[in-house]
Protein backbone atom coordinates (compact mmCIF):
# COMPACT_ATOMS: atom_id res chain seq x y z
CA UNK A 1 84.27 13.22 -25.51
CA UNK A 2 80.79 11.95 -24.51
CA UNK A 3 80.80 8.52 -22.90
CA UNK A 4 78.80 6.87 -25.67
CA UNK A 5 80.37 8.54 -28.67
CA UNK A 6 82.20 7.04 -31.59
CA UNK A 7 85.05 8.98 -33.06
CA UNK A 8 86.74 9.16 -36.41
CA UNK A 9 90.51 9.20 -36.69
CA UNK A 10 91.94 10.96 -39.74
CA UNK A 11 95.64 10.87 -40.42
CA UNK A 12 97.57 12.65 -43.11
CA UNK A 13 100.59 10.45 -43.70
CA UNK A 14 102.08 8.76 -46.73
CA UNK A 15 99.03 6.50 -46.72
CA UNK A 16 96.14 8.46 -45.27
CA UNK A 17 93.32 6.51 -43.71
CA UNK A 18 90.26 6.90 -41.54
CA UNK A 19 89.34 4.78 -38.57
CA UNK A 20 86.13 4.70 -36.57
CA UNK A 21 85.73 3.04 -33.19
CA UNK A 22 82.66 2.68 -30.99
CA UNK A 23 84.15 4.01 -27.78
CA UNK A 24 81.23 3.00 -25.55
CA UNK A 25 81.39 -0.64 -26.65
CA UNK A 26 85.18 -0.73 -26.54
CA UNK A 27 85.23 0.58 -22.97
CA UNK A 28 82.41 -1.71 -21.86
CA UNK A 29 84.05 -4.83 -23.26
CA UNK A 30 87.46 -3.95 -21.84
CA UNK A 31 86.11 -3.20 -18.35
CA UNK A 32 84.03 -6.39 -18.32
CA UNK A 33 87.15 -8.40 -19.17
CA UNK A 34 89.07 -6.47 -16.52
CA UNK A 35 86.61 -7.52 -13.82
CA UNK A 36 87.28 -11.17 -14.65
CA UNK A 37 91.06 -10.87 -15.07
CA UNK A 38 91.91 -8.29 -12.41
CA UNK A 39 95.52 -8.62 -11.25
CA UNK A 40 95.40 -8.55 -7.46
CA UNK A 41 98.16 -6.28 -6.16
CA UNK A 42 97.94 -4.68 -2.69
CA UNK A 43 98.13 -1.09 -3.96
CA UNK A 44 95.01 -1.70 -6.05
CA UNK A 45 92.86 -2.08 -2.95
CA UNK A 46 93.45 1.39 -1.56
CA UNK A 47 92.39 4.91 -2.48
CA UNK A 48 95.05 6.45 -0.24
CA UNK A 49 97.14 8.73 -2.50
CA UNK A 50 100.20 8.31 -0.27
CA UNK A 51 100.06 4.52 -0.57
CA UNK A 52 99.58 4.73 -4.33
CA UNK A 53 102.42 7.24 -4.72
CA UNK A 54 104.79 4.97 -2.80
CA UNK A 55 103.73 1.99 -4.93
CA UNK A 56 104.32 3.88 -8.18
CA UNK A 57 107.79 4.97 -7.06
CA UNK A 58 108.65 1.37 -6.21
CA UNK A 59 107.22 0.05 -9.48
CA UNK A 60 109.55 2.16 -11.62
CA UNK A 61 111.48 -0.35 -13.78
CA UNK A 62 110.60 -3.15 -11.38
CA UNK A 63 108.22 -6.09 -11.74
CA UNK A 64 105.00 -5.81 -9.74
CA UNK A 65 105.52 -9.29 -8.27
CA UNK A 66 108.84 -8.14 -6.82
CA UNK A 67 107.37 -4.93 -5.44
CA UNK A 68 104.30 -6.44 -3.72
CA UNK A 69 105.97 -7.91 -0.58
CA UNK A 70 108.28 -4.90 -0.19
CA UNK A 71 105.35 -2.51 -0.54
CA UNK A 72 103.33 -4.35 2.10
CA UNK A 73 106.22 -4.31 4.54
CA UNK A 74 106.86 -0.62 3.85
CA UNK A 75 103.24 0.42 4.36
CA UNK A 76 102.97 -1.67 7.51
CA UNK A 77 105.96 0.16 8.99
CA UNK A 78 105.12 3.59 7.52
CA UNK A 79 101.33 3.73 7.08
CA UNK A 80 101.20 7.49 6.54
CA UNK A 81 103.36 10.48 5.72
CA UNK A 82 103.72 11.42 9.38
CA UNK A 83 105.32 8.08 10.26
CA UNK A 84 107.56 8.17 7.19
CA UNK A 85 108.72 11.68 8.02
CA UNK A 86 110.67 10.40 11.00
CA UNK A 87 112.18 7.39 9.24
CA UNK A 88 115.91 6.84 9.41
CA UNK A 89 117.72 6.37 6.11
CA UNK A 90 119.18 3.06 7.33
CA UNK A 91 115.72 1.73 8.15
CA UNK A 92 114.49 2.61 4.66
CA UNK A 93 117.53 0.91 3.20
CA UNK A 94 116.72 -2.31 5.05
CA UNK A 95 113.30 -2.41 3.40
CA UNK A 96 114.12 -1.15 -0.08
CA UNK A 97 117.59 -2.52 -0.85
CA UNK A 98 116.23 -5.68 -2.46
CA UNK A 99 114.53 -3.64 -5.20
CA UNK A 100 117.99 -2.78 -6.49
CA UNK A 101 117.62 0.95 -7.15
CA UNK A 102 119.01 2.71 -4.11
CA UNK A 103 118.19 6.12 -5.52
CA UNK A 104 114.61 5.50 -4.43
CA UNK A 105 115.58 5.99 -0.80
CA UNK A 106 116.77 9.57 -1.33
CA UNK A 107 113.85 10.20 -3.66
CA UNK A 108 111.28 9.13 -1.07
CA UNK A 109 112.94 11.21 1.65
CA UNK A 110 113.03 14.31 -0.59
CA UNK A 111 109.46 13.72 -1.72
CA UNK A 112 108.13 13.51 1.84
CA UNK A 113 110.01 16.68 2.82
CA UNK A 114 108.40 18.54 -0.08
CA UNK A 115 104.92 17.23 0.75
CA UNK A 116 105.31 18.34 4.37
CA UNK A 117 106.77 21.74 3.55
CA UNK A 118 104.54 22.70 0.64
CA UNK A 119 101.33 20.71 0.99
CA UNK A 120 100.79 20.41 4.74
CA UNK A 121 101.64 16.73 4.79
CA UNK A 122 99.04 15.71 2.18
CA UNK A 123 99.69 14.32 -1.29
CA UNK A 124 98.35 17.00 -3.66
CA UNK A 125 95.60 16.19 -6.13
CA UNK A 126 96.44 18.85 -8.71
CA UNK A 127 98.60 17.44 -11.48
CA UNK A 128 101.00 20.36 -11.66
CA UNK A 129 101.58 20.06 -7.92
CA UNK A 130 102.28 16.35 -8.21
CA UNK A 131 104.67 16.95 -11.08
CA UNK A 132 106.58 19.44 -8.96
CA UNK A 133 107.53 16.70 -6.48
CA UNK A 134 110.94 15.01 -6.81
CA UNK A 135 110.85 12.01 -9.11
CA UNK A 136 107.17 12.28 -10.06
CA UNK A 137 106.80 11.75 -13.80
CA UNK A 138 103.72 12.34 -15.91
CA UNK A 139 102.92 8.64 -15.64
CA UNK A 140 103.19 8.62 -11.83
CA UNK A 141 101.11 11.80 -11.50
CA UNK A 142 98.37 10.40 -13.73
CA UNK A 143 98.38 7.05 -11.94
CA UNK A 144 98.02 8.68 -8.52
CA UNK A 145 95.22 10.95 -9.70
CA UNK A 146 93.34 8.14 -11.42
CA UNK A 147 93.75 5.39 -8.83
CA UNK A 148 93.35 7.58 -5.74
CA UNK A 149 90.69 10.06 -6.87
CA UNK A 150 89.18 8.24 -9.88
CA UNK A 151 90.05 11.13 -12.19
CA UNK A 152 90.03 10.42 -15.96
CA UNK A 153 93.77 10.76 -16.49
CA UNK A 154 95.35 8.82 -19.32
CA UNK A 155 97.95 6.24 -18.28
CA UNK A 156 100.68 6.44 -20.90
CA UNK A 157 103.44 3.84 -20.84
CA UNK A 158 104.95 1.25 -23.17
CA UNK A 159 102.00 -1.10 -22.60
CA UNK A 160 99.23 1.38 -23.36
CA UNK A 161 101.17 2.80 -26.31
CA UNK A 162 101.58 -0.71 -27.72
CA UNK A 163 97.86 -1.43 -27.37
CA UNK A 164 96.96 1.87 -29.01
CA UNK A 165 99.41 1.39 -31.87
CA UNK A 166 97.99 -2.04 -32.62
CA UNK A 167 94.41 -0.87 -32.21
CA UNK A 168 94.78 1.90 -34.79
CA UNK A 169 97.51 0.31 -36.94
CA UNK A 170 100.05 2.98 -36.06
CA UNK A 171 103.82 2.42 -36.18
CA UNK A 172 105.18 2.02 -32.64
CA UNK A 173 108.52 3.65 -31.89
CA UNK A 174 110.55 4.48 -28.79
CA UNK A 175 109.28 8.05 -29.14
CA UNK A 176 105.59 7.07 -29.34
CA UNK A 177 104.97 7.85 -25.66
CA UNK A 178 105.74 11.48 -26.46
CA UNK A 179 103.81 11.50 -29.73
CA UNK A 180 100.83 13.87 -29.69
CA UNK A 181 98.56 11.52 -31.66
CA UNK A 182 99.21 8.57 -29.37
CA UNK A 183 98.64 10.71 -26.29
CA UNK A 184 95.36 12.07 -27.70
CA UNK A 185 94.07 8.63 -28.64
CA UNK A 186 94.91 7.13 -25.25
CA UNK A 187 93.24 10.06 -23.48
CA UNK A 188 90.15 9.99 -25.70
CA UNK A 189 89.53 6.32 -25.00
CA UNK A 190 89.53 6.63 -21.19
CA UNK A 191 86.15 5.80 -19.64
CA UNK A 192 85.12 9.12 -18.03
CA UNK A 193 82.79 7.57 -15.45
CA UNK A 194 85.00 4.63 -14.44
CA UNK A 195 88.56 5.66 -15.28
CA UNK A 196 90.07 3.65 -12.43
CA UNK A 197 88.53 0.36 -13.61
CA UNK A 198 89.26 1.20 -17.24
CA UNK A 199 92.94 1.92 -16.64
CA UNK A 200 93.39 -1.18 -14.48
CA UNK A 201 91.89 -3.25 -17.30
CA UNK A 202 94.04 -1.55 -19.95
CA UNK A 203 97.23 -2.21 -17.98
CA UNK A 204 96.19 -5.81 -17.37
CA UNK A 205 95.45 -6.28 -21.06
CA UNK A 206 98.96 -5.14 -21.91
CA UNK A 207 100.48 -7.45 -19.33
CA UNK A 208 98.42 -10.56 -20.04
CA UNK A 209 97.14 -10.43 -23.63
CA UNK A 210 98.53 -7.62 -25.79
CA UNK A 211 102.12 -8.35 -24.83
CA UNK A 212 105.24 -7.19 -26.61
CA UNK A 213 105.59 -10.59 -28.26
CA UNK A 214 105.31 -10.51 -32.04
CA UNK A 215 102.29 -12.81 -31.78
CA UNK A 216 100.24 -11.61 -28.79
CA UNK A 217 97.22 -13.59 -27.61
CA UNK A 218 94.80 -11.92 -30.00
CA UNK A 219 92.41 -14.88 -29.97
CA UNK A 220 91.83 -14.24 -26.24
CA UNK A 221 91.57 -10.47 -26.51
CA UNK A 222 88.24 -8.93 -25.39
CA UNK A 223 88.63 -6.02 -27.81
CA UNK A 224 89.97 -7.86 -30.85
CA UNK A 225 86.98 -6.90 -32.97
CA UNK A 226 87.93 -3.21 -32.63
CA UNK A 227 91.60 -3.79 -33.35
CA UNK A 228 93.36 -3.44 -36.69
CA UNK A 229 96.25 -5.67 -35.63
CA UNK A 230 93.88 -8.23 -34.09
CA UNK A 231 91.87 -8.38 -37.30
CA UNK A 232 95.02 -9.06 -39.33
CA UNK A 233 96.06 -11.81 -36.92
CA UNK A 234 92.60 -13.38 -37.10
CA UNK A 235 92.69 -13.45 -40.90
CA UNK A 236 96.00 -15.29 -40.88
CA UNK A 237 94.45 -18.09 -38.81
CA UNK A 238 91.49 -18.61 -41.14
């Protein structure tokens, strides 16, 4: 989709409706807000795909605030794949045990072995190659590609699905992350020229404003004027 385009959403459900959004303005407003409300985590200040891959593995089902000090210690001790390749399992345990999920230790060891054997010790850029690595989900593969190489991959998780459902007034279910319409909408909205900044802002919006609470902070939302849910919330306050 062209960077400045608007697009029309047509749905054939019990109550069919059409929805138009100015994508250029939506992206601009979200990114501008993201600059001012950027959450400062150490893995956001690197373009090293190895560092980002390690961060995403650690972040699985774990709060970013818990991961940050462990990540920094890990990267200080194992700054690259070569240094991690010779790591002893006990040494990894000493660093990672506090995150609670011990399976990550075996996962990281297996992942590094695969990267060395199949990709000459370099994290692959191609999505299918990333997905072939142990423990790399679609979310992790997209995050590495976007945040390391600034590729316009959609970041699809509970936060971005929730934002999208509210934006377009779609019912949000446990299965929505796998829903084709949700995935298309999230992908279509990605800023093609600045996907890294866009996705950081989208994730921060979900964490800080468009939270899972029944009454999110719509009055502080930078994209409320585009949002069906936000418009409803605004009308209730008038």
